Amino acid sequence: MEKFEKANHVVLTSHSNQVYKESIPINWGAKNPKERGPVIATTSEVENRNAIGSHSGSYTVYRALSIASGAYSADHRPELENTQPTTTIGPHDSWYDPEKLVSIDPWGGNVQTAFQEELAAGLNISPTIAVTQARLQIPEVYEAIDKGRLEIDGEIVTKEKDIKVTKVAIEPVWYLPGMAKRLGVSEGELRKVLFKETGGMFPELVTRPDLKVLLPPIGSSTAYIFGNPDDLANPEIELTCRVHDECNGSDVFGSDICTCRPYLTYGIEQAAKTAQNGGVGIIVYFRKEGRALGEVTKFLVYNARKRQEGGDSAKNYFYRTECVAGVEDARFQEFMPDTLNYFGIKKIHNLHSMSNMKYDAIVKSGIEVVNRLSIPDELIPADAQVEMEAKKAAGYFTNDDVKDEKGLEKVLGREIEEEK
């Protein structure tokens, strides 16, 4: 290990020949972008890089194939004119808290203005967040309108039955010291495990401790906002939220073995309805297929469950997953609330989720949750009843829990009155 000084910091590294004076230090949690510094993970100028990994997550492999085939220039620099967000997000107080945001770069959505001078000077800085406008065309929403559950108002729901939304795509940017603290491990241990379990994909994890930011090779997340995005940060305005983890088979192709698509579309319906009533709604879609175990593992588990003696059952729902994958759930929702904190959310009035892991992570992050809501019984596919039974048996939240709590409150209330 060699010791040297860089930007008033003493750095220990075993690869000092890879450290360049041209790279800008990152001061995570600083109160303005200039002090914080841009995250530079582009590969065109190695001397300017101040992060491990590269932009676009898992798509970097496709980019590499395009470069190798000669169809893509390795020296390409993105031309960012007119790419700025259609809606300004933040800044919020959470942006300046190095413990609130550890997996997102809050300044990654407005690099065109925040780092205008650096871009003009030739630094190749790529956005990690993009904001645009769109309309959603969803059959279940059409059905909700036809049945009178959702109205056409011309503002949120158009006469064509489309829903107007603000879409925000967010690439993961991991601040490793903050990630380690959130997980309750040392930074060194986290870096070592990441290096090992990715097959040594990023040697800088163990050779460059001066680099504190990693852009991991995983998919991005997308937030769909219904109503005024500024209202997300106002705890006085009703907010309906669903945090949804990817399920390609159900979400895209309509597979009926789980409740994922019905839960997603019902969340969209309720988010839009809240926006129509003067509130705001948000759906955050995370790429964590198969509880972050992947679709191959998911299908293997499907086979194992359905071929067991007696057929599929709630008893073996989670057990067979653990047998195949080694763990019931690899999503570890500790970092999920970062997306909510990015929008400045302090209070969720209606959280559509049965997951205690999600709820606990949100509350632990300092966000208040008023009401929890599970999927209505009538939206549960017949083949997904096993899933629901398994989740109930495992202690997942259901609407019955609310009924039980209210009943208990009534009983306790009567006892108190009788004592008086």
Protein backbone atom coordinates (compact mmCIF):
# COMPACT_ATOMS: atom_id res chain seq x y z
CA MET A 1 0.00 0.00 0.00
CA GLU A 2 1.27 3.46 -0.91
CA LYS A 3 0.38 6.67 0.88
CA PHE A 4 -0.12 9.97 -0.94
CA GLU A 5 -2.16 13.15 -0.70
CA LYS A 6 -5.02 13.99 -3.01
CA ALA A 7 -7.32 17.00 -2.64
CA ASN A 8 -6.41 17.38 1.05
CA HIS A 9 -7.16 13.71 1.71
CA VAL A 10 -4.61 11.10 2.69
CA VAL A 11 -5.24 8.01 0.57
CA LEU A 12 -3.92 4.49 0.96
CA THR A 13 -3.94 2.39 -2.18
CA SER A 14 -2.09 -0.59 -3.61
CA HIS A 15 -2.44 0.81 -7.13
CA SER A 16 -1.19 4.39 -6.92
CA ASN A 17 -0.36 4.37 -10.65
CA GLN A 18 -4.11 4.33 -11.32
CA VAL A 19 -4.75 7.52 -9.34
CA TYR A 20 -4.89 10.70 -11.41
CA LYS A 21 -4.73 14.31 -10.25
CA GLU A 22 -7.37 15.19 -12.86
CA SER A 23 -10.13 13.28 -11.05
CA ILE A 24 -12.51 15.34 -8.93
CA PRO A 25 -13.10 14.22 -5.33
CA ILE A 26 -16.64 13.29 -4.27
CA ASN A 27 -17.83 14.75 -0.97
CA TRP A 28 -20.99 12.72 -0.39
CA GLY A 29 -23.77 14.64 1.37
CA ALA A 30 -22.39 18.10 0.57
CA LYS A 31 -25.03 20.86 0.40
CA ASN A 32 -24.40 21.95 -3.17
CA PRO A 33 -23.31 20.11 -6.32
CA LYS A 34 -20.08 22.04 -6.71
CA GLU A 35 -18.90 21.02 -3.25
CA ARG A 36 -20.16 17.47 -3.72
CA GLY A 37 -18.55 17.03 -7.13
CA PRO A 38 -19.86 15.09 -10.16
CA VAL A 39 -19.84 11.31 -10.35
CA ILE A 40 -17.71 10.41 -13.35
CA ALA A 41 -17.88 6.76 -14.38
CA THR A 42 -17.55 7.23 -18.14
CA THR A 43 -14.69 5.28 -19.68
CA SER A 44 -13.59 7.73 -22.40
CA GLU A 45 -11.05 9.54 -20.18
CA VAL A 46 -9.69 7.18 -17.53
CA GLU A 47 -7.84 9.98 -15.76
CA ASN A 48 -11.12 11.74 -14.86
CA ARG A 49 -12.90 8.73 -13.39
CA ASN A 50 -13.74 9.02 -9.69
CA ALA A 51 -16.10 6.04 -9.40
CA ILE A 52 -15.94 2.27 -9.81
CA GLY A 53 -17.98 0.65 -12.56
CA SER A 54 -19.71 2.48 -15.39
CA HIS A 55 -23.04 3.96 -16.39
CA SER A 56 -26.10 2.03 -17.61
CA GLY A 57 -25.73 -0.88 -15.22
CA SER A 58 -26.25 -4.28 -16.82
CA TYR A 59 -26.45 -2.68 -20.28
CA THR A 60 -22.73 -1.97 -20.21
CA VAL A 61 -22.17 -5.51 -21.47
CA TYR A 62 -24.28 -4.82 -24.57
CA ARG A 63 -22.36 -1.60 -25.09
CA ALA A 64 -19.13 -3.56 -24.93
CA LEU A 65 -20.43 -5.98 -27.56
CA SER A 66 -21.37 -3.06 -29.82
CA ILE A 67 -17.90 -1.55 -29.41
CA ALA A 68 -16.23 -4.90 -30.04
CA SER A 69 -18.24 -5.39 -33.24
CA GLY A 70 -17.32 -1.92 -34.48
CA ALA A 71 -20.91 -0.64 -34.41
CA TYR A 72 -20.29 1.79 -31.55
CA SER A 73 -17.49 4.26 -30.94
CA ALA A 74 -15.62 3.77 -27.69
CA ASP A 75 -14.95 7.53 -27.68
CA HIS A 76 -18.62 8.54 -27.92
CA ARG A 77 -19.65 11.43 -25.69
CA PRO A 78 -23.36 12.01 -25.03
CA GLU A 79 -24.70 15.26 -26.48
CA LEU A 80 -27.02 16.48 -23.73
CA GLU A 81 -28.75 19.44 -25.38
CA ASN A 82 -32.50 19.48 -24.57
CA THR A 83 -32.23 16.35 -22.42
CA GLN A 84 -32.86 18.20 -19.15
CA PRO A 85 -35.76 17.07 -16.91
CA THR A 86 -39.30 18.06 -17.87
CA THR A 87 -39.95 18.61 -14.15
CA THR A 88 -37.44 19.82 -11.55
CA ILE A 89 -37.01 17.45 -8.63
CA GLY A 90 -35.62 18.88 -5.39
CA PRO A 91 -33.29 19.67 -3.91
CA HIS A 92 -34.61 18.28 -0.61
CA ASP A 93 -33.04 18.12 2.84
CA SER A 94 -32.50 14.38 2.37
CA TRP A 95 -30.02 15.16 -0.41
CA TYR A 96 -27.63 16.59 2.16
CA ASP A 97 -27.86 13.66 4.56
CA PRO A 98 -25.18 11.06 3.77
CA GLU A 99 -27.25 8.46 5.63
CA LYS A 100 -30.59 9.16 3.90
CA LEU A 101 -29.29 8.61 0.38
CA VAL A 102 -26.59 5.98 -0.08
CA SER A 103 -27.72 4.22 -3.27
CA ILE A 104 -28.74 7.19 -5.48
CA ASP A 105 -26.88 10.28 -6.68
CA PRO A 106 -29.44 13.07 -6.04
CA TRP A 107 -27.56 15.46 -8.32
CA GLY A 108 -27.53 12.89 -11.14
CA GLY A 109 -30.75 14.28 -12.63
CA ASN A 110 -29.59 17.79 -13.42
CA VAL A 111 -25.93 17.47 -14.40
CA GLN A 112 -26.67 19.69 -17.43
CA THR A 113 -27.02 22.70 -15.11
CA ALA A 114 -25.37 21.62 -11.84
CA PHE A 115 -22.11 20.78 -13.61
CA GLN A 116 -22.37 23.09 -16.61
CA GLU A 117 -18.86 24.49 -16.13
CA GLU A 118 -17.33 21.04 -15.78
CA LEU A 119 -19.09 19.85 -18.95
CA ALA A 120 -17.91 22.95 -20.80
CA ALA A 121 -14.37 22.22 -19.64
CA GLY A 122 -14.55 18.83 -21.32
CA LEU A 123 -15.43 16.45 -18.48
CA ASN A 124 -17.53 13.54 -19.71
CA ILE A 125 -20.32 13.52 -17.08
CA SER A 126 -23.37 11.36 -17.71
CA PRO A 127 -26.74 11.76 -15.97
CA THR A 128 -27.85 8.91 -13.71
CA ILE A 129 -31.45 10.20 -13.44
CA ALA A 130 -33.81 11.25 -16.22
CA VAL A 131 -37.28 12.83 -15.91
CA THR A 132 -39.92 12.91 -18.65
CA GLN A 133 -43.70 12.96 -19.21
CA ALA A 134 -45.82 10.11 -20.49
CA ARG A 135 -49.29 8.55 -20.72
CA LEU A 136 -50.12 5.05 -19.52
CA GLN A 137 -52.50 2.82 -21.46
CA ILE A 138 -53.48 -0.07 -19.20
CA PRO A 139 -56.41 -2.48 -19.77
CA GLU A 140 -57.10 -2.79 -16.01
CA VAL A 141 -57.39 1.00 -15.80
CA TYR A 142 -59.90 0.97 -18.67
CA GLU A 143 -61.87 -1.62 -16.71
CA ALA A 144 -61.71 0.50 -13.54
CA ILE A 145 -63.13 3.44 -15.51
CA ASP A 146 -65.86 1.33 -17.09
CA LYS A 147 -66.89 0.03 -13.66
CA GLY A 148 -66.94 3.52 -12.17
CA ARG A 149 -64.00 3.07 -9.78
CA LEU A 150 -61.98 5.72 -11.62
CA GLU A 151 -63.29 8.84 -13.34
CA ILE A 152 -62.24 10.69 -16.48
CA ASP A 153 -61.29 14.19 -15.32
CA GLY A 154 -59.17 15.46 -18.22
CA GLU A 155 -56.26 16.27 -15.92
CA ILE A 156 -55.04 12.94 -14.58
CA VAL A 157 -57.21 10.60 -16.66
CA THR A 158 -57.82 11.72 -20.24
CA LYS A 159 -60.96 11.22 -22.32
CA GLU A 160 -59.04 8.45 -24.12
CA LYS A 161 -58.75 6.72 -20.70
CA ASP A 162 -54.98 7.28 -20.55
CA ILE A 163 -53.29 8.30 -17.32
CA LYS A 164 -50.86 11.22 -17.36
CA VAL A 165 -47.67 10.63 -15.39
CA THR A 166 -44.22 11.99 -14.72
CA LYS A 167 -41.64 9.23 -15.21
CA VAL A 168 -38.29 9.22 -13.42
CA ALA A 169 -35.61 6.68 -14.34
CA ILE A 170 -32.94 6.22 -11.67
CA GLU A 171 -29.64 4.39 -12.08
CA PRO A 172 -28.08 3.01 -8.90
CA VAL A 173 -25.09 4.93 -7.57
CA TRP A 174 -23.75 3.31 -4.41
CA TYR A 175 -21.85 5.28 -1.78
CA LEU A 176 -19.99 2.35 -0.25
CA PRO A 177 -19.35 3.76 3.27
CA GLY A 178 -23.06 4.57 3.61
CA MET A 179 -24.10 1.21 2.16
CA ALA A 180 -21.89 -0.59 4.65
CA LYS A 181 -23.25 1.40 7.58
CA ARG A 182 -26.84 0.70 6.49
CA LEU A 183 -26.06 -3.03 6.41
CA GLY A 184 -24.17 -2.95 9.70
CA VAL A 185 -20.86 -4.18 8.27
CA SER A 186 -17.47 -2.59 7.71
CA GLU A 187 -16.76 -0.93 4.40
CA GLY A 188 -13.79 -3.24 3.89
CA GLU A 189 -15.94 -6.34 4.37
CA LEU A 190 -18.59 -5.05 1.97
CA ARG A 191 -16.00 -4.27 -0.69
CA LYS A 192 -14.41 -7.71 -0.28
CA VAL A 193 -17.74 -9.54 -0.62
CA LEU A 194 -18.78 -7.45 -3.66
CA PHE A 195 -15.43 -8.19 -5.30
CA LYS A 196 -15.67 -11.91 -4.59
CA GLU A 197 -19.31 -12.46 -5.51
CA THR A 198 -18.98 -10.61 -8.84
CA GLY A 199 -16.08 -12.82 -9.80
CA GLY A 200 -13.55 -10.02 -9.45
CA MET A 201 -15.43 -7.85 -11.94
CA PHE A 202 -14.31 -4.65 -10.22
CA PRO A 203 -10.74 -5.00 -8.84
CA GLU A 204 -10.86 -1.37 -7.67
CA LEU A 205 -13.10 -2.55 -4.85
CA VAL A 206 -10.03 -4.02 -3.18
CA THR A 207 -7.21 -2.04 -4.81
CA ARG A 208 -8.63 1.49 -4.72
CA PRO A 209 -10.10 2.29 -1.28
CA ASP A 210 -9.91 5.97 -2.24
CA LEU A 211 -12.81 5.42 -4.65
CA LYS A 212 -15.95 5.42 -2.53
CA VAL A 213 -18.66 5.25 -5.21
CA LEU A 214 -19.73 2.21 -7.23
CA LEU A 215 -22.11 2.06 -10.19
CA PRO A 216 -23.17 -1.59 -9.96
CA PRO A 217 -24.08 -3.74 -12.99
CA ILE A 218 -27.78 -3.98 -12.08
CA GLY A 219 -30.96 -2.56 -13.56
CA SER A 220 -32.34 0.90 -12.84
CA SER A 221 -35.55 1.79 -11.00
CA THR A 222 -38.44 3.84 -12.35
CA ALA A 223 -40.83 6.10 -10.46
CA TYR A 224 -44.25 6.95 -11.91
CA ILE A 225 -45.74 10.09 -10.34
CA PHE A 226 -49.44 10.93 -10.52
CA GLY A 227 -50.14 14.60 -9.88
CA ASN A 228 -47.67 17.35 -8.97
CA PRO A 229 -44.21 15.89 -8.13
CA ASP A 230 -43.58 18.81 -5.74
CA ASP A 231 -46.46 17.56 -3.56
CA LEU A 232 -44.58 14.36 -2.74
CA ALA A 233 -42.52 16.30 -0.19
CA ASN A 234 -45.53 17.91 1.48
CA PRO A 235 -46.70 15.73 4.40
CA GLU A 236 -50.01 17.64 4.52
CA ILE A 237 -51.00 16.39 1.05
CA GLU A 238 -52.40 12.86 0.83
CA LEU A 239 -49.90 10.47 -0.77
CA THR A 240 -50.65 7.00 -2.11
CA CYS A 241 -47.63 4.80 -2.75
CA ARG A 242 -46.77 1.35 -4.04
CA VAL A 243 -43.18 0.12 -4.09
CA HIS A 244 -43.20 -2.78 -6.55
CA ASP A 245 -40.50 -5.31 -7.31
CA GLU A 246 -40.26 -6.60 -10.86
CA CYS A 247 -42.15 -9.73 -11.90
CA ASN A 248 -41.80 -10.11 -15.65
CA GLY A 249 -44.11 -13.12 -15.96
CA SER A 250 -47.01 -11.38 -14.24
CA ASP A 251 -46.34 -7.67 -14.87
CA VAL A 252 -45.74 -8.06 -18.62
CA PHE A 253 -47.21 -11.39 -19.71
CA GLY A 254 -50.06 -11.77 -17.22
CA SER A 255 -49.03 -15.07 -15.61
CA ASP A 256 -51.62 -15.91 -12.95
CA ILE A 257 -49.45 -17.76 -10.42
CA CYS A 258 -48.90 -14.58 -8.38
CA THR A 259 -50.59 -11.29 -7.53
CA CYS A 260 -47.89 -9.00 -8.92
CA ARG A 261 -49.65 -7.46 -11.93
CA PRO A 262 -53.03 -7.11 -10.17
CA TYR A 263 -51.29 -5.42 -7.24
CA LEU A 264 -49.36 -3.14 -9.57
CA THR A 265 -52.36 -2.07 -11.64
CA TYR A 266 -54.52 -1.61 -8.54
CA GLY A 267 -51.76 0.57 -7.07
CA ILE A 268 -51.76 2.66 -10.26
CA GLU A 269 -55.54 3.00 -10.09
CA GLN A 270 -55.45 4.15 -6.47
CA ALA A 271 -52.49 6.51 -7.06
CA ALA A 272 -54.37 8.16 -9.92
CA LYS A 273 -57.53 8.38 -7.83
CA THR A 274 -55.65 10.08 -4.99
CA ALA A 275 -54.20 12.60 -7.46
CA GLN A 276 -57.71 13.32 -8.79
CA ASN A 277 -58.82 14.07 -5.22
CA GLY A 278 -56.10 16.70 -4.75
CA GLY A 279 -53.38 14.40 -3.49
CA VAL A 280 -50.43 12.76 -5.22
CA GLY A 281 -49.50 9.20 -6.07
CA ILE A 282 -46.26 7.37 -6.76
CA ILE A 283 -45.38 3.89 -8.00
CA VAL A 284 -41.72 2.90 -7.75
CA TYR A 285 -40.74 -0.07 -9.91
CA PHE A 286 -37.57 -1.88 -8.86
CA ARG A 287 -35.69 -4.38 -11.05
CA LYS A 288 -35.49 -7.19 -8.50
CA GLU A 289 -36.89 -10.11 -10.46
CA GLY A 290 -37.82 -13.16 -8.42
CA ARG A 291 -37.11 -11.52 -5.04
CA ALA A 292 -33.74 -10.50 -6.54
CA LEU A 293 -32.94 -14.18 -7.14
CA GLY A 294 -33.61 -14.04 -10.87
CA GLU A 295 -36.14 -15.58 -13.22
CA VAL A 296 -34.27 -18.87 -13.72
CA THR A 297 -34.35 -19.50 -9.98
CA LYS A 298 -38.01 -18.48 -9.88
CA PHE A 299 -39.00 -20.99 -12.57
CA LEU A 300 -36.99 -23.75 -10.90
CA VAL A 301 -38.91 -23.07 -7.69
CA TYR A 302 -42.22 -23.14 -9.59
CA ASN A 303 -41.36 -26.62 -10.87
CA ALA A 304 -40.23 -27.83 -7.46
CA ARG A 305 -43.40 -26.59 -5.77
CA LYS A 306 -45.81 -28.05 -8.30
CA ARG A 307 -44.08 -31.45 -8.54
CA GLN A 308 -43.96 -32.11 -4.84
CA GLU A 309 -46.18 -34.81 -3.39
CA GLY A 310 -49.68 -33.46 -2.90
CA GLY A 311 -49.11 -30.56 -5.30
CA ASP A 312 -48.36 -26.91 -4.62
CA SER A 313 -49.01 -25.78 -1.07
CA ALA A 314 -48.58 -22.76 1.15
CA LYS A 315 -46.50 -24.86 3.54
CA ASN A 316 -43.68 -25.27 1.02
CA TYR A 317 -43.99 -21.91 -0.73
CA PHE A 318 -40.98 -20.26 0.93
CA TYR A 319 -39.25 -23.52 1.88
CA ARG A 320 -38.69 -24.62 -1.72
CA THR A 321 -37.32 -21.18 -2.59
CA GLU A 322 -34.77 -21.48 0.19
CA CYS A 323 -33.84 -25.01 -0.91
CA VAL A 324 -33.10 -23.87 -4.47
CA ALA A 325 -31.68 -20.40 -3.86
CA GLY A 326 -30.26 -20.65 -0.34
CA VAL A 327 -32.41 -17.79 0.92
CA GLU A 328 -36.12 -16.97 0.85
CA ASP A 329 -35.63 -13.38 -0.28
CA ALA A 330 -32.50 -11.53 -1.44
CA ARG A 331 -34.05 -8.10 -1.91
CA PHE A 332 -32.94 -6.74 1.47
CA GLN A 333 -35.17 -3.69 1.36
CA GLU A 334 -32.82 -1.49 3.43
CA PHE A 335 -31.95 0.62 0.36
CA MET A 336 -35.43 0.82 -1.16
CA PRO A 337 -36.46 3.96 0.82
CA ASP A 338 -33.64 5.95 -0.80
CA THR A 339 -35.87 6.49 -3.84
CA LEU A 340 -38.64 7.85 -1.60
CA ASN A 341 -36.15 10.08 0.22
CA TYR A 342 -34.90 11.37 -3.13
CA PHE A 343 -38.36 12.88 -3.67
CA GLY A 344 -38.38 14.33 -0.15
CA ILE A 345 -41.20 12.07 1.03
CA LYS A 346 -41.81 12.32 4.78
CA LYS A 347 -45.28 10.81 5.07
CA ILE A 348 -47.17 8.11 3.16
CA HIS A 349 -50.89 8.17 3.83
CA ASN A 350 -51.69 4.99 1.88
CA LEU A 351 -49.02 2.32 1.42
CA HIS A 352 -50.15 -0.51 -0.86
CA SER A 353 -47.97 -3.40 0.29
CA MET A 354 -48.25 -6.63 2.26
CA SER A 355 -44.50 -6.81 2.83
CA ASN A 356 -43.29 -6.22 6.37
CA MET A 357 -39.75 -5.90 5.01
CA LYS A 358 -40.80 -2.95 2.87
CA TYR A 359 -42.86 -1.36 5.62
CA ASP A 360 -40.14 -1.75 8.24
CA ALA A 361 -37.48 -0.30 5.92
CA ILE A 362 -39.66 2.72 5.07
CA VAL A 363 -40.50 3.48 8.69
CA LYS A 364 -36.90 2.92 9.80
CA SER A 365 -35.79 5.52 7.24
CA GLY A 366 -37.91 8.14 9.04
CA ILE A 367 -40.95 8.13 6.76
CA GLU A 368 -44.32 7.94 8.51
CA VAL A 369 -46.88 5.44 7.20
CA VAL A 370 -50.53 6.13 8.09
CA ASN A 371 -52.46 3.31 6.37
CA ARG A 372 -51.30 -0.05 5.02
CA LEU A 373 -53.40 -1.73 2.33
CA SER A 374 -53.22 -5.23 0.85
CA ILE A 375 -54.65 -6.30 -2.49
CA PRO A 376 -58.47 -6.71 -2.52
CA ASP A 377 -59.57 -10.36 -2.48
CA GLU A 378 -61.49 -10.05 -5.74
CA LEU A 379 -58.28 -9.19 -7.64
CA ILE A 380 -56.39 -12.31 -6.57
CA PRO A 381 -56.04 -14.88 -9.41
CA ALA A 382 -57.21 -18.39 -8.54
CA ASP A 383 -53.74 -19.89 -9.04
CA ALA A 384 -52.26 -17.24 -6.71
CA GLN A 385 -54.23 -18.37 -3.66
CA VAL A 386 -51.27 -20.51 -2.55
CA GLU A 387 -49.07 -17.43 -2.55
CA MET A 388 -51.57 -15.48 -0.47
CA GLU A 389 -52.01 -18.33 2.02
CA ALA A 390 -48.24 -18.67 2.36
CA LYS A 391 -47.78 -14.95 2.94
CA LYS A 392 -50.54 -14.82 5.54
CA ALA A 393 -49.01 -17.81 7.34
CA ALA A 394 -45.62 -16.10 7.25
CA GLY A 395 -47.00 -12.99 8.93
CA TYR A 396 -47.39 -10.73 5.90
CA PHE A 397 -49.76 -7.79 6.39
CA THR A 398 -53.36 -8.12 5.16
CA ASN A 399 -56.42 -5.92 5.38
CA ASP A 400 -57.74 -8.36 8.00
CA ASP A 401 -54.97 -7.12 10.32
CA VAL A 402 -56.55 -3.66 10.21
CA LYS A 403 -59.95 -5.11 11.01
CA ASP A 404 -58.47 -7.07 13.91
CA GLU A 405 -56.69 -3.97 15.24
CA LYS A 406 -59.88 -1.91 15.07
CA GLY A 407 -61.82 -4.69 16.77
CA LEU A 408 -59.21 -4.87 19.52
CA GLU A 409 -59.38 -1.11 19.96
CA LYS A 410 -63.15 -1.33 20.40
CA VAL A 411 -62.80 -4.12 22.99
CA LEU A 412 -60.12 -2.23 24.89
CA GLY A 413 -62.21 0.91 24.69
CA ARG A 414 -65.20 -0.84 26.23
CA GLU A 415 -63.02 -2.24 29.04
CA ILE A 416 -61.70 1.22 29.84
CA GLU A 417 -65.21 2.68 29.90
CA GLU A 418 -66.43 -0.14 32.16
CA GLU A 419 -63.56 0.49 34.58
CA LYS A 420 -64.49 4.14 34.74
